PDB file of N, CA and C in Angstrom:
ATOM      1  N   MET A   1      24.672  -0.497  25.335  1.00  0.00           N
ATOM      2  CA  MET A   1      23.817  -0.711  24.414  1.00  0.00           C
ATOM      3  C   MET A   1      24.603  -1.029  23.115  1.00  0.00           C
ATOM      4  N   SER A   2      24.301  -2.087  22.722  1.00  0.00           N
ATOM      5  CA  SER A   2      25.075  -2.306  21.190  1.00  0.00           C
ATOM      6  C   SER A   2      24.010  -2.214  20.326  1.00  0.00           C
ATOM      7  N   ILE A   3      24.502  -1.939  19.197  1.00  0.00           N
ATOM      8  CA  ILE A   3      23.531  -1.708  18.089  1.00  0.00           C
ATOM      9  C   ILE A   3      23.216  -3.037  17.209  1.00  0.00           C
ATOM     10  N   ARG A   4      21.877  -3.305  17.188  1.00  0.00           N
ATOM     11  CA  ARG A   4      21.822  -4.768  16.475  1.00  0.00           C
ATOM     12  C   ARG A   4      21.722  -4.715  14.892  1.00  0.00           C
ATOM     13  N   ALA A   5      22.097  -5.736  14.131  1.00  0.00           N
ATOM     14  CA  ALA A   5      21.835  -5.762  12.971  1.00  0.00           C
ATOM     15  C   ALA A   5      20.381  -5.596  12.496  1.00  0.00           C
ATOM     16  N   GLU A   6      20.340  -5.040  11.375  1.00  0.00           N
ATOM     17  CA  GLU A   6      18.864  -4.999  10.854  1.00  0.00           C
ATOM     18  C   GLU A   6      18.229  -6.250  10.512  1.00  0.00           C
ATOM     19  N   HIS A   7      17.155  -6.493  10.961  1.00  0.00           N
ATOM     20  CA  HIS A   7      16.496  -7.863  10.560  1.00  0.00           C
ATOM     21  C   HIS A   7      16.200  -7.934   9.103  1.00  0.00           C
ATOM     22  N   GLU A   8      16.052  -9.208   8.708  1.00  0.00           N
ATOM     23  CA  GLU A   8      15.983  -9.357   7.422  1.00  0.00           C
ATOM     24  C   GLU A   8      14.532  -8.799   6.688  1.00  0.00           C
ATOM     25  N   LEU A   9      13.603  -8.941   7.529  1.00  0.00           N
ATOM     26  CA  LEU A   9      12.209  -8.447   7.287  1.00  0.00           C
ATOM     27  C   LEU A   9      12.321  -6.957   6.837  1.00  0.00           C
ATOM     28  N   HIS A  10      13.214  -6.376   7.548  1.00  0.00           N
ATOM     29  CA  HIS A  10      13.074  -4.826   7.407  1.00  0.00           C
ATOM     30  C   HIS A  10      13.938  -4.580   6.215  1.00  0.00           C
ATOM     31  N   GLN A  11      14.879  -5.490   5.788  1.00  0.00           N
ATOM     32  CA  GLN A  11      15.723  -5.311   4.349  1.00  0.00           C
ATOM     33  C   GLN A  11      14.638  -5.635   3.202  1.00  0.00           C
ATOM     34  N   ARG A  12      13.811  -6.347   3.508  1.00  0.00           N
ATOM     35  CA  ARG A  12      12.887  -6.691   2.198  1.00  0.00           C
ATOM     36  C   ARG A  12      11.966  -5.599   2.122  1.00  0.00           C
ATOM     37  N   ARG A  13      11.290  -5.045   3.109  1.00  0.00           N
ATOM     38  CA  ARG A  13      10.488  -3.988   3.170  1.00  0.00           C
ATOM     39  C   ARG A  13      11.185  -2.675   2.654  1.00  0.00           C
ATOM     40  N   LYS A  14      12.331  -2.480   2.995  1.00  0.00           N
ATOM     41  CA  LYS A  14      12.689  -1.324   2.455  1.00  0.00           C
ATOM     42  C   LYS A  14      13.185  -1.519   1.122  1.00  0.00           C
ATOM     43  N   GLY A  15      13.533  -2.499   0.212  1.00  0.00           N
ATOM     44  CA  GLY A  15      13.493  -2.914  -0.858  1.00  0.00           C
ATOM     45  C   GLY A  15      12.164  -2.717  -1.631  1.00  0.00           C
ATOM     46  N   ARG A  16      11.137  -3.216  -0.941  1.00  0.00           N
ATOM     47  CA  ARG A  16       9.677  -2.941  -1.492  1.00  0.00           C
ATOM     48  C   ARG A  16       9.253  -1.427  -1.644  1.00  0.00           C
ATOM     49  N   ASN A  17       9.707  -0.845  -0.565  1.00  0.00           N
ATOM     50  CA  ASN A  17       9.218   0.583  -0.478  1.00  0.00           C
ATOM     51  C   ASN A  17      10.162   1.485  -1.540  1.00  0.00           C
ATOM     52  N   VAL A  18      11.293   1.019  -1.793  1.00  0.00           N
ATOM     53  CA  VAL A  18      12.192   1.735  -2.837  1.00  0.00           C
ATOM     54  C   VAL A  18      11.471   1.305  -4.111  1.00  0.00           C
ATOM     55  N   GLY A  19      11.301   0.305  -4.331  1.00  0.00           N
ATOM     56  CA  GLY A  19      10.444  -0.229  -5.616  1.00  0.00           C
ATOM     57  C   GLY A  19       9.263   0.478  -5.990  1.00  0.00           C
ATOM     58  N   VAL A  20       8.440   0.896  -4.800  1.00  0.00           N
ATOM     59  CA  VAL A  20       7.127   1.489  -4.992  1.00  0.00           C
ATOM     60  C   VAL A  20       7.501   3.000  -5.196  1.00  0.00           C
ATOM     61  N   GLY A  21       8.330   3.410  -4.419  1.00  0.00           N
ATOM     62  CA  GLY A  21       8.726   4.818  -4.638  1.00  0.00           C
ATOM     63  C   GLY A  21       9.318   5.222  -5.879  1.00  0.00           C
ATOM     64  N   LEU A  22      10.039   4.297  -6.708  1.00  0.00           N
ATOM     65  CA  LEU A  22      10.597   4.783  -7.744  1.00  0.00           C
ATOM     66  C   LEU A  22       9.454   4.587  -8.893  1.00  0.00           C
ATOM     67  N   MET A  23       8.569   3.601  -8.726  1.00  0.00           N
ATOM     68  CA  MET A  23       7.460   3.549  -9.886  1.00  0.00           C
ATOM     69  C   MET A  23       6.173   4.771  -9.642  1.00  0.00           C
ATOM     70  N   LEU A  24       6.133   5.506  -8.603  1.00  0.00           N
ATOM     71  CA  LEU A  24       5.353   6.455  -8.363  1.00  0.00           C
ATOM     72  C   LEU A  24       5.866   7.376  -8.853  1.00  0.00           C
ATOM     73  N   GLY A  25       7.333   7.544  -8.731  1.00  0.00           N
ATOM     74  CA  GLY A  25       8.063   8.675  -9.379  1.00  0.00           C
ATOM     75  C   GLY A  25       8.129   8.734 -10.903  1.00  0.00           C
ATOM     76  N   ALA A  26       8.349   7.438 -11.438  1.00  0.00           N
ATOM     77  CA  ALA A  26       8.032   7.414 -12.925  1.00  0.00           C
ATOM     78  C   ALA A  26       6.696   7.650 -13.492  1.00  0.00           C
ATOM     79  N   PHE A  27       5.706   7.249 -12.523  1.00  0.00           N
ATOM     80  CA  PHE A  27       4.270   7.547 -12.997  1.00  0.00           C
ATOM     81  C   PHE A  27       4.121   9.041 -13.110  1.00  0.00           C
ATOM     82  N   VAL A  28       4.643   9.833 -12.073  1.00  0.00           N
ATOM     83  CA  VAL A  28       4.491  11.434 -12.123  1.00  0.00           C
ATOM     84  C   VAL A  28       5.400  11.943 -13.218  1.00  0.00           C
ATOM     85  N   VAL A  29       6.397  11.664 -13.445  1.00  0.00           N
ATOM     86  CA  VAL A  29       7.097  12.159 -14.557  1.00  0.00           C
ATOM     87  C   VAL A  29       6.606  11.812 -15.953  1.00  0.00           C
ATOM     88  N   LEU A  30       5.839  10.669 -16.135  1.00  0.00           N
ATOM     89  CA  LEU A  30       5.182  10.419 -17.354  1.00  0.00           C
ATOM     90  C   LEU A  30       4.017  11.079 -17.197  1.00  0.00           C
ATOM     91  N   VAL A  31       3.160  11.518 -16.292  1.00  0.00           N
ATOM     92  CA  VAL A  31       2.039  12.308 -16.431  1.00  0.00           C
ATOM     93  C   VAL A  31       2.401  13.767 -16.861  1.00  0.00           C
ATOM     94  N   LEU A  32       3.618  14.032 -16.045  1.00  0.00           N
ATOM     95  CA  LEU A  32       4.067  15.617 -16.447  1.00  0.00           C
ATOM     96  C   LEU A  32       4.366  15.625 -17.661  1.00  0.00           C
ATOM     97  N   ALA A  33       5.064  14.707 -18.365  1.00  0.00           N
ATOM     98  CA  ALA A  33       5.664  14.644 -19.939  1.00  0.00           C
ATOM     99  C   ALA A  33       4.582  14.724 -20.782  1.00  0.00           C
ATOM    100  N   LEU A  34       3.373  14.013 -20.473  1.00  0.00           N
ATOM    101  CA  LEU A  34       2.119  13.869 -21.458  1.00  0.00           C
ATOM    102  C   LEU A  34       1.584  15.184 -21.341  1.00  0.00           C
ATOM    103  N   THR A  35       1.596  15.809 -20.070  1.00  0.00           N
ATOM    104  CA  THR A  35       0.995  17.097 -20.119  1.00  0.00           C
ATOM    105  C   THR A  35       1.690  18.163 -20.840  1.00  0.00           C
ATOM    106  N   PHE A  36       3.038  18.274 -20.684  1.00  0.00           N
ATOM    107  CA  PHE A  36       3.747  19.009 -21.315  1.00  0.00           C
ATOM    108  C   PHE A  36       3.733  19.139 -22.955  1.00  0.00           C
ATOM    109  N   VAL A  37       3.704  17.825 -23.415  1.00  0.00           N
ATOM    110  CA  VAL A  37       3.664  17.519 -24.832  1.00  0.00           C
ATOM    111  C   VAL A  37       2.353  17.915 -25.295  1.00  0.00           C
ATOM    112  N   LYS A  38       1.053  17.661 -24.549  1.00  0.00           N
ATOM    113  CA  LYS A  38      -0.043  18.104 -24.821  1.00  0.00           C
ATOM    114  C   LYS A  38      -0.557  19.500 -25.051  1.00  0.00           C
ATOM    115  N   ILE A  39       0.334  20.340 -24.220  1.00  0.00           N
ATOM    116  CA  ILE A  39       0.010  21.600 -24.005  1.00  0.00           C
ATOM    117  C   ILE A  39       0.860  22.406 -25.124  1.00  0.00           C
ATOM    118  N   THR A  40       2.218  22.020 -25.478  1.00  0.00           N
ATOM    119  CA  THR A  40       2.934  22.766 -26.095  1.00  0.00           C
ATOM    120  C   THR A  40       2.856  21.958 -27.787  1.00  0.00           C
ATOM    121  N   SER A  41       2.150  21.131 -27.776  1.00  0.00           N
ATOM    122  CA  SER A  41       1.912  20.648 -29.455  1.00  0.00           C
ATOM    123  C   SER A  41       1.150  21.592 -30.193  1.00  0.00           C
ATOM    124  N   GLY A  42       0.724  22.999 -29.636  1.00  0.00           N
ATOM    125  CA  GLY A  42       0.135  23.900 -30.715  1.00  0.00           C
ATOM    126  C   GLY A  42      -1.123  23.527 -31.140  1.00  0.00           C
ATOM    127  N   ASP A  43      -1.943  22.623 -30.774  1.00  0.00           N
ATOM    128  CA  ASP A  43      -3.344  22.690 -31.323  1.00  0.00           C
ATOM    129  C   ASP A  43      -4.167  22.578 -29.726  1.00  0.00           C
ATOM    130  N   PHE A  44      -3.551  23.180 -28.952  1.00  0.00           N
ATOM    131  CA  PHE A  44      -4.297  23.019 -27.509  1.00  0.00           C
ATOM    132  C   PHE A  44      -4.918  24.605 -27.511  1.00  0.00           C
ATOM    133  N   GLU A  45      -5.958  24.537 -27.218  1.00  0.00           N
ATOM    134  CA  GLU A  45      -6.887  25.611 -27.013  1.00  0.00           C
ATOM    135  C   GLU A  45      -7.793  25.529 -25.770  1.00  0.00           C
ATOM    136  N   MET A  46      -8.314  26.494 -25.042  1.00  0.00           N
ATOM    137  CA  MET A  46      -8.999  26.629 -23.912  1.00  0.00           C
ATOM    138  C   MET A  46     -10.503  26.584 -24.653  1.00  0.00           C
ATOM    139  N   PRO A  47     -11.450  25.827 -23.802  1.00  0.00           N
ATOM    140  CA  PRO A  47     -12.801  25.657 -24.547  1.00  0.00           C
ATOM    141  C   PRO A  47     -13.003  27.078 -24.424  1.00  0.00           C
ATOM    142  N   ARG A  48     -14.200  27.188 -25.699  1.00  0.00           N
ATOM    143  CA  ARG A  48     -14.734  28.272 -26.072  1.00  0.00           C
ATOM    144  C   ARG A  48     -16.140  28.374 -25.187  1.00  0.00           C
ATOM    145  N   ILE A  49     -16.562  29.501 -24.665  1.00  0.00           N
ATOM    146  CA  ILE A  49     -18.145  29.649 -24.146  1.00  0.00           C
ATOM    147  C   ILE A  49     -18.780  29.957 -24.971  1.00  0.00           C
ATOM    148  N   GLU A  50     -19.806  29.311 -25.662  1.00  0.00           N
ATOM    149  CA  GLU A  50     -20.473  29.620 -26.650  1.00  0.00           C
ATOM    150  C   GLU A  50     -21.830  30.464 -26.021  1.00  0.00           C
ATOM    151  N   GLU A  51     -22.281  31.568 -26.524  1.00  0.00           N
ATOM    152  CA  GLU A  51     -23.284  32.258 -25.891  1.00  0.00           C
ATOM    153  C   GLU A  51     -24.522  31.622 -26.362  1.00  0.00           C
ATOM    154  N   GLN A  52     -25.459  31.564 -25.648  1.00  0.00           N
ATOM    155  CA  GLN A  52     -26.924  30.925 -25.941  1.00  0.00           C
ATOM    156  C   GLN A  52     -27.728  32.273 -26.197  1.00  0.00           C
ATOM    157  N   GLN A  53     -28.730  32.266 -27.243  1.00  0.00           N
ATOM    158  CA  GLN A  53     -29.595  33.252 -27.534  1.00  0.00           C
ATOM    159  C   GLN A  53     -31.004  32.961 -26.955  1.00  0.00           C
TER     160      GLN A  53
END
């Protein structure tokens, strides 16, 4: 049994998958960074529950 060379189609899929993975990772980092900035900005308060009479 010899090892066959990877087909060109697999190389393109691999490149596309790496690109999608990097974009997804960048999106997650962006969301985490925005959340961190929002919470640490100092004006973040938990919503107050108003008592109704």
